[in-house]
Amino acid sequence: MPIVQLRENEPFDVALRRFKRTCEKAGVLSESRRREFYEKPTQERKRKAAAAVKRHQKKVSRGGRSVRRVRGARLS
């Protein structure tokens, strides 16, 4: 669980906002939602495969071309 130390002369609202941000970055809320109900291993595999397909479709619809640069190479 993320910990936030209250700084000197820091308003509580600011510390609370920092705490929420650290919880979001740590993925506490999404992890608790994911673990709320048991998910069978086959269902987990199906969900992950569907997410991979969705990511691939999204990448293809955006153009799908990723530019890879070699170190030291210049684009001109």
PDB file of N, CA and C in Angstrom:
ATOM      1  N   MET A   1       0.844  -1.177   0.000  1.00  0.00           N
ATOM      2  CA  MET A   1       0.000   0.000   0.000  1.00  0.00           C
ATOM      3  C   MET A   1       0.884   1.232   0.000  1.00  0.00           C
ATOM      4  N   PRO A   2       0.617   2.164  -0.857  1.00  0.00           N
ATOM      5  CA  PRO A   2       1.408   3.395  -0.916  1.00  0.00           C
ATOM      6  C   PRO A   2       1.307   4.197   0.382  1.00  0.00           C
ATOM      7  N   ILE A   3       2.415   4.790   0.745  1.00  0.00           N
ATOM      8  CA  ILE A   3       2.476   5.620   1.946  1.00  0.00           C
ATOM      9  C   ILE A   3       2.854   7.027   1.531  1.00  0.00           C
ATOM     10  N   VAL A   4       2.183   8.009   2.135  1.00  0.00           N
ATOM     11  CA  VAL A   4       2.478   9.414   1.859  1.00  0.00           C
ATOM     12  C   VAL A   4       2.757  10.095   3.186  1.00  0.00           C
ATOM     13  N   GLN A   5       3.931  10.700   3.309  1.00  0.00           N
ATOM     14  CA  GLN A   5       4.282  11.445   4.511  1.00  0.00           C
ATOM     15  C   GLN A   5       3.761  12.862   4.367  1.00  0.00           C
ATOM     16  N   LEU A   6       3.103  13.342   5.406  1.00  0.00           N
ATOM     17  CA  LEU A   6       2.585  14.701   5.396  1.00  0.00           C
ATOM     18  C   LEU A   6       3.746  15.668   5.584  1.00  0.00           C
ATOM     19  N   ARG A   7       3.942  16.541   4.617  1.00  0.00           N
ATOM     20  CA  ARG A   7       5.036  17.511   4.692  1.00  0.00           C
ATOM     21  C   ARG A   7       4.647  18.668   5.601  1.00  0.00           C
ATOM     22  N   GLU A   8       5.643  19.387   6.040  1.00  0.00           N
ATOM     23  CA  GLU A   8       5.386  20.512   6.931  1.00  0.00           C
ATOM     24  C   GLU A   8       4.607  21.599   6.188  1.00  0.00           C
ATOM     25  N   ASN A   9       3.598  22.136   6.833  1.00  0.00           N
ATOM     26  CA  ASN A   9       2.726  23.183   6.286  1.00  0.00           C
ATOM     27  C   ASN A   9       2.026  22.757   4.993  1.00  0.00           C
ATOM     28  N   GLU A  10       1.801  21.461   4.839  1.00  0.00           N
ATOM     29  CA  GLU A  10       1.117  20.971   3.640  1.00  0.00           C
ATOM     30  C   GLU A  10      -0.364  20.764   3.967  1.00  0.00           C
ATOM     31  N   PRO A  11      -1.247  21.306   3.170  1.00  0.00           N
ATOM     32  CA  PRO A  11      -2.681  21.093   3.414  1.00  0.00           C
ATOM     33  C   PRO A  11      -3.049  19.616   3.242  1.00  0.00           C
ATOM     34  N   PHE A  12      -4.051  19.205   3.975  1.00  0.00           N
ATOM     35  CA  PHE A  12      -4.485  17.812   3.917  1.00  0.00           C
ATOM     36  C   PHE A  12      -4.962  17.441   2.520  1.00  0.00           C
ATOM     37  N   ASP A  13      -5.631  18.360   1.844  1.00  0.00           N
ATOM     38  CA  ASP A  13      -6.148  18.081   0.502  1.00  0.00           C
ATOM     39  C   ASP A  13      -5.033  17.730  -0.473  1.00  0.00           C
ATOM     40  N   VAL A  14      -3.909  18.422  -0.354  1.00  0.00           N
ATOM     41  CA  VAL A  14      -2.779  18.167  -1.252  1.00  0.00           C
ATOM     42  C   VAL A  14      -2.195  16.785  -0.970  1.00  0.00           C
ATOM     43  N   ALA A  15      -2.062  16.452   0.318  1.00  0.00           N
ATOM     44  CA  ALA A  15      -1.535  15.134   0.681  1.00  0.00           C
ATOM     45  C   ALA A  15      -2.481  14.029   0.214  1.00  0.00           C
ATOM     46  N   LEU A  16      -3.772  14.269   0.343  1.00  0.00           N
ATOM     47  CA  LEU A  16      -4.754  13.288  -0.113  1.00  0.00           C
ATOM     48  C   LEU A  16      -4.665  13.096  -1.622  1.00  0.00           C
ATOM     49  N   ARG A  17      -4.478  14.180  -2.357  1.00  0.00           N
ATOM     50  CA  ARG A  17      -4.336  14.101  -3.809  1.00  0.00           C
ATOM     51  C   ARG A  17      -3.081  13.302  -4.175  1.00  0.00           C
ATOM     52  N   ARG A  18      -1.975  13.547  -3.444  1.00  0.00           N
ATOM     53  CA  ARG A  18      -0.741  12.787  -3.696  1.00  0.00           C
ATOM     54  C   ARG A  18      -0.954  11.306  -3.416  1.00  0.00           C
ATOM     55  N   PHE A  19      -1.681  11.010  -2.323  1.00  0.00           N
ATOM     56  CA  PHE A  19      -1.953   9.619  -1.978  1.00  0.00           C
ATOM     57  C   PHE A  19      -2.776   8.937  -3.069  1.00  0.00           C
ATOM     58  N   LYS A  20      -3.801   9.618  -3.556  1.00  0.00           N
ATOM     59  CA  LYS A  20      -4.631   9.056  -4.621  1.00  0.00           C
ATOM     60  C   LYS A  20      -3.812   8.797  -5.876  1.00  0.00           C
ATOM     61  N   ARG A  21      -2.910   9.733  -6.185  1.00  0.00           N
ATOM     62  CA  ARG A  21      -2.073   9.584  -7.373  1.00  0.00           C
ATOM     63  C   ARG A  21      -1.130   8.390  -7.223  1.00  0.00           C
ATOM     64  N   THR A  22      -0.524   8.215  -6.043  1.00  0.00           N
ATOM     65  CA  THR A  22       0.378   7.079  -5.843  1.00  0.00           C
ATOM     66  C   THR A  22      -0.389   5.758  -5.871  1.00  0.00           C
ATOM     67  N   CYS A  23      -1.622   5.761  -5.337  1.00  0.00           N
ATOM     68  CA  CYS A  23      -2.448   4.549  -5.405  1.00  0.00           C
ATOM     69  C   CYS A  23      -2.774   4.205  -6.854  1.00  0.00           C
ATOM     70  N   GLU A  24      -3.066   5.224  -7.645  1.00  0.00           N
ATOM     71  CA  GLU A  24      -3.382   5.005  -9.058  1.00  0.00           C
ATOM     72  C   GLU A  24      -2.168   4.443  -9.800  1.00  0.00           C
ATOM     73  N   LYS A  25      -0.992   5.007  -9.528  1.00  0.00           N
ATOM     74  CA  LYS A  25       0.226   4.526 -10.193  1.00  0.00           C
ATOM     75  C   LYS A  25       0.566   3.103  -9.774  1.00  0.00           C
ATOM     76  N   ALA A  26       0.304   2.769  -8.505  1.00  0.00           N
ATOM     77  CA  ALA A  26       0.597   1.428  -8.004  1.00  0.00           C
ATOM     78  C   ALA A  26      -0.439   0.408  -8.473  1.00  0.00           C
ATOM     79  N   GLY A  27      -1.581   0.887  -8.945  1.00  0.00           N
ATOM     80  CA  GLY A  27      -2.614  -0.008  -9.448  1.00  0.00           C
ATOM     81  C   GLY A  27      -3.401  -0.705  -8.355  1.00  0.00           C
ATOM     82  N   VAL A  28      -3.521  -0.074  -7.201  1.00  0.00           N
ATOM     83  CA  VAL A  28      -4.211  -0.679  -6.063  1.00  0.00           C
ATOM     84  C   VAL A  28      -5.684  -0.916  -6.372  1.00  0.00           C
ATOM     85  N   LEU A  29      -6.352   0.084  -6.901  1.00  0.00           N
ATOM     86  CA  LEU A  29      -7.787  -0.022  -7.151  1.00  0.00           C
ATOM     87  C   LEU A  29      -8.098  -1.040  -8.252  1.00  0.00           C
ATOM     88  N   SER A  30      -7.338  -1.003  -9.334  1.00  0.00           N
ATOM     89  CA  SER A  30      -7.589  -1.947 -10.426  1.00  0.00           C
ATOM     90  C   SER A  30      -7.291  -3.379  -9.984  1.00  0.00           C
ATOM     91  N   GLU A  31      -6.266  -3.549  -9.153  1.00  0.00           N
ATOM     92  CA  GLU A  31      -5.926  -4.876  -8.641  1.00  0.00           C
ATOM     93  C   GLU A  31      -7.040  -5.407  -7.736  1.00  0.00           C
ATOM     94  N   SER A  32      -7.586  -4.550  -6.889  1.00  0.00           N
ATOM     95  CA  SER A  32      -8.664  -4.999  -5.997  1.00  0.00           C
ATOM     96  C   SER A  32      -9.923  -5.335  -6.797  1.00  0.00           C
ATOM     97  N   ARG A  33     -10.196  -4.574  -7.848  1.00  0.00           N
ATOM     98  CA  ARG A  33     -11.356  -4.892  -8.691  1.00  0.00           C
ATOM     99  C   ARG A  33     -11.145  -6.219  -9.414  1.00  0.00           C
ATOM    100  N   ARG A  34      -9.915  -6.458  -9.849  1.00  0.00           N
ATOM    101  CA  ARG A  34      -9.616  -7.698 -10.566  1.00  0.00           C
ATOM    102  C   ARG A  34      -9.748  -8.905  -9.642  1.00  0.00           C
ATOM    103  N   ARG A  35      -9.378  -8.737  -8.376  1.00  0.00           N
ATOM    104  CA  ARG A  35      -9.422  -9.846  -7.428  1.00  0.00           C
ATOM    105  C   ARG A  35     -10.744  -9.946  -6.670  1.00  0.00           C
ATOM    106  N   GLU A  36     -11.702  -9.119  -7.005  1.00  0.00           N
ATOM    107  CA  GLU A  36     -12.975  -9.118  -6.282  1.00  0.00           C
ATOM    108  C   GLU A  36     -13.663 -10.475  -6.381  1.00  0.00           C
ATOM    109  N   PHE A  37     -13.649 -11.079  -7.552  1.00  0.00           N
ATOM    110  CA  PHE A  37     -14.259 -12.381  -7.763  1.00  0.00           C
ATOM    111  C   PHE A  37     -13.204 -13.312  -8.347  1.00  0.00           C
ATOM    112  N   TYR A  38     -13.334 -14.601  -8.038  1.00  0.00           N
ATOM    113  CA  TYR A  38     -12.399 -15.580  -8.570  1.00  0.00           C
ATOM    114  C   TYR A  38     -12.606 -15.709 -10.066  1.00  0.00           C
ATOM    115  N   GLU A  39     -11.491 -15.778 -10.778  1.00  0.00           N
ATOM    116  CA  GLU A  39     -11.547 -15.952 -12.226  1.00  0.00           C
ATOM    117  C   GLU A  39     -10.821 -17.241 -12.565  1.00  0.00           C
ATOM    118  N   LYS A  40     -11.519 -18.132 -13.237  1.00  0.00           N
ATOM    119  CA  LYS A  40     -10.905 -19.404 -13.599  1.00  0.00           C
ATOM    120  C   LYS A  40      -9.721 -19.145 -14.521  1.00  0.00           C
ATOM    121  N   PRO A  41      -8.710 -20.021 -14.469  1.00  0.00           N
ATOM    122  CA  PRO A  41      -7.543 -19.835 -15.339  1.00  0.00           C
ATOM    123  C   PRO A  41      -7.897 -19.762 -16.823  1.00  0.00           C
ATOM    124  N   THR A  42      -8.888 -20.553 -17.262  1.00  0.00           N
ATOM    125  CA  THR A  42      -9.264 -20.498 -18.678  1.00  0.00           C
ATOM    126  C   THR A  42      -9.888 -19.153 -19.021  1.00  0.00           C
ATOM    127  N   GLN A  43     -10.701 -18.615 -18.107  1.00  0.00           N
ATOM    128  CA  GLN A  43     -11.314 -17.309 -18.337  1.00  0.00           C
ATOM    129  C   GLN A  43     -10.249 -16.214 -18.375  1.00  0.00           C
ATOM    130  N   GLU A  44      -9.243 -16.342 -17.512  1.00  0.00           N
ATOM    131  CA  GLU A  44      -8.156 -15.358 -17.496  1.00  0.00           C
ATOM    132  C   GLU A  44      -7.397 -15.374 -18.820  1.00  0.00           C
ATOM    133  N   ARG A  45      -7.122 -16.595 -19.328  1.00  0.00           N
ATOM    134  CA  ARG A  45      -6.434 -16.706 -20.617  1.00  0.00           C
ATOM    135  C   ARG A  45      -7.277 -16.110 -21.735  1.00  0.00           C
ATOM    136  N   LYS A  46      -8.584 -16.377 -21.720  1.00  0.00           N
ATOM    137  CA  LYS A  46      -9.480 -15.818 -22.743  1.00  0.00           C
ATOM    138  C   LYS A  46      -9.484 -14.297 -22.698  1.00  0.00           C
ATOM    139  N   ARG A  47      -9.547 -13.748 -21.477  1.00  0.00           N
ATOM    140  CA  ARG A  47      -9.575 -12.290 -21.317  1.00  0.00           C
ATOM    141  C   ARG A  47      -8.282 -11.670 -21.833  1.00  0.00           C
ATOM    142  N   LYS A  48      -7.147 -12.294 -21.491  1.00  0.00           N
ATOM    143  CA  LYS A  48      -5.864 -11.759 -21.939  1.00  0.00           C
ATOM    144  C   LYS A  48      -5.715 -11.870 -23.454  1.00  0.00           C
ATOM    145  N   ALA A  49      -6.193 -12.975 -24.036  1.00  0.00           N
ATOM    146  CA  ALA A  49      -6.122 -13.136 -25.491  1.00  0.00           C
ATOM    147  C   ALA A  49      -7.003 -12.103 -26.189  1.00  0.00           C
ATOM    148  N   ALA A  50      -8.190 -11.865 -25.636  1.00  0.00           N
ATOM    149  CA  ALA A  50      -9.090 -10.868 -26.221  1.00  0.00           C
ATOM    150  C   ALA A  50      -8.475  -9.477 -26.133  1.00  0.00           C
ATOM    151  N   ALA A  51      -7.802  -9.182 -25.021  1.00  0.00           N
ATOM    152  CA  ALA A  51      -7.149  -7.879 -24.871  1.00  0.00           C
ATOM    153  C   ALA A  51      -6.015  -7.732 -25.881  1.00  0.00           C
ATOM    154  N   ALA A  52      -5.283  -8.827 -26.136  1.00  0.00           N
ATOM    155  CA  ALA A  52      -4.202  -8.775 -27.113  1.00  0.00           C
ATOM    156  C   ALA A  52      -4.753  -8.525 -28.512  1.00  0.00           C
ATOM    157  N   VAL A  53      -5.864  -9.179 -28.854  1.00  0.00           N
ATOM    158  CA  VAL A  53      -6.491  -8.971 -30.163  1.00  0.00           C
ATOM    159  C   VAL A  53      -6.952  -7.525 -30.290  1.00  0.00           C
ATOM    160  N   LYS A  54      -7.552  -7.010 -29.228  1.00  0.00           N
ATOM    161  CA  LYS A  54      -8.038  -5.633 -29.242  1.00  0.00           C
ATOM    162  C   LYS A  54      -6.882  -4.645 -29.420  1.00  0.00           C
ATOM    163  N   ARG A  55      -5.776  -4.884 -28.713  1.00  0.00           N
ATOM    164  CA  ARG A  55      -4.597  -4.017 -28.872  1.00  0.00           C
ATOM    165  C   ARG A  55      -4.073  -4.071 -30.295  1.00  0.00           C
ATOM    166  N   HIS A  56      -4.041  -5.277 -30.868  1.00  0.00           N
ATOM    167  CA  HIS A  56      -3.551  -5.430 -32.237  1.00  0.00           C
ATOM    168  C   HIS A  56      -4.455  -4.693 -33.219  1.00  0.00           C
ATOM    169  N   GLN A  57      -5.766  -4.840 -33.064  1.00  0.00           N
ATOM    170  CA  GLN A  57      -6.712  -4.150 -33.947  1.00  0.00           C
ATOM    171  C   GLN A  57      -6.562  -2.636 -33.832  1.00  0.00           C
ATOM    172  N   LYS A  58      -6.362  -2.165 -32.623  1.00  0.00           N
ATOM    173  CA  LYS A  58      -6.185  -0.731 -32.400  1.00  0.00           C
ATOM    174  C   LYS A  58      -4.910  -0.237 -33.087  1.00  0.00           C
ATOM    175  N   LYS A  59      -3.861  -1.044 -32.983  1.00  0.00           N
ATOM    176  CA  LYS A  59      -2.592  -0.675 -33.612  1.00  0.00           C
ATOM    177  C   LYS A  59      -2.733  -0.641 -35.132  1.00  0.00           C
ATOM    178  N   VAL A  60      -3.423  -1.619 -35.696  1.00  0.00           N
ATOM    179  CA  VAL A  60      -3.618  -1.695 -37.141  1.00  0.00           C
ATOM    180  C   VAL A  60      -4.476  -0.530 -37.626  1.00  0.00           C
ATOM    181  N   SER A  61      -5.513  -0.187 -36.862  1.00  0.00           N
ATOM    182  CA  SER A  61      -6.396   0.893 -37.295  1.00  0.00           C
ATOM    183  C   SER A  61      -5.696   2.251 -37.244  1.00  0.00           C
ATOM    184  N   ARG A  62      -4.694   2.387 -36.377  1.00  0.00           N
ATOM    185  CA  ARG A  62      -3.953   3.650 -36.284  1.00  0.00           C
ATOM    186  C   ARG A  62      -2.899   3.776 -37.379  1.00  0.00           C
ATOM    187  N   GLY A  63      -2.683   2.732 -38.104  1.00  0.00           N
ATOM    188  CA  GLY A  63      -1.667   2.783 -39.141  1.00  0.00           C
ATOM    189  C   GLY A  63      -0.706   1.622 -38.979  1.00  0.00           C
ATOM    190  N   GLY A  64      -0.442   1.266 -37.752  1.00  0.00           N
ATOM    191  CA  GLY A  64       0.343   0.088 -37.471  1.00  0.00           C
ATOM    192  C   GLY A  64       1.808   0.151 -37.809  1.00  0.00           C
ATOM    193  N   ARG A  65       2.214   1.235 -38.430  1.00  0.00           N
ATOM    194  CA  ARG A  65       3.627   1.311 -38.800  1.00  0.00           C
ATOM    195  C   ARG A  65       4.388   1.974 -37.676  1.00  0.00           C
ATOM    196  N   SER A  66       5.296   1.230 -37.111  1.00  0.00           N
ATOM    197  CA  SER A  66       6.137   1.820 -36.076  1.00  0.00           C
ATOM    198  C   SER A  66       7.503   2.080 -36.692  1.00  0.00           C
ATOM    199  N   VAL A  67       8.054   3.206 -36.388  1.00  0.00           N
ATOM    200  CA  VAL A  67       9.349   3.586 -36.939  1.00  0.00           C
ATOM    201  C   VAL A  67      10.416   3.161 -35.955  1.00  0.00           C
ATOM    202  N   ARG A  68      11.333   2.322 -36.432  1.00  0.00           N
ATOM    203  CA  ARG A  68      12.431   1.896 -35.575  1.00  0.00           C
ATOM    204  C   ARG A  68      13.690   2.575 -36.064  1.00  0.00           C
ATOM    205  N   ARG A  69      14.366   3.218 -35.141  1.00  0.00           N
ATOM    206  CA  ARG A  69      15.591   3.911 -35.504  1.00  0.00           C
ATOM    207  C   ARG A  69      16.782   3.149 -34.967  1.00  0.00           C
ATOM    208  N   VAL A  70      17.812   3.122 -35.762  1.00  0.00           N
ATOM    209  CA  VAL A  70      19.065   2.519 -35.342  1.00  0.00           C
ATOM    210  C   VAL A  70      19.855   3.600 -34.629  1.00  0.00           C
ATOM    211  N   ARG A  71      20.555   3.217 -33.572  1.00  0.00           N
ATOM    212  CA  ARG A  71      21.335   4.211 -32.838  1.00  0.00           C
ATOM    213  C   ARG A  71      22.340   4.888 -33.747  1.00  0.00           C
ATOM    214  N   GLY A  72      22.361   6.181 -33.644  1.00  0.00           N
ATOM    215  CA  GLY A  72      23.316   6.949 -34.422  1.00  0.00           C
ATOM    216  C   GLY A  72      22.827   7.294 -35.820  1.00  0.00           C
ATOM    217  N   ALA A  73      21.752   6.667 -36.260  1.00  0.00           N
ATOM    218  CA  ALA A  73      21.234   6.951 -37.599  1.00  0.00           C
ATOM    219  C   ALA A  73      20.503   8.286 -37.588  1.00  0.00           C
ATOM    220  N   ARG A  74      20.639   9.020 -38.664  1.00  0.00           N
ATOM    221  CA  ARG A  74      19.985  10.323 -38.767  1.00  0.00           C
ATOM    222  C   ARG A  74      18.865  10.238 -39.781  1.00  0.00           C
ATOM    223  N   LEU A  75      17.792  10.906 -39.453  1.00  0.00           N
ATOM    224  CA  LEU A  75      16.691  11.011 -40.407  1.00  0.00           C
ATOM    225  C   LEU A  75      16.861  12.311 -41.169  1.00  0.00           C
ATOM    226  N   SER A  76      16.923  12.229 -42.496  1.00  0.00           N
ATOM    227  CA  SER A  76      17.058  13.464 -43.274  1.00  0.00           C
ATOM    228  C   SER A  76      16.215  13.423 -44.512  1.00  0.00           C
TER     229      SER A  76
END
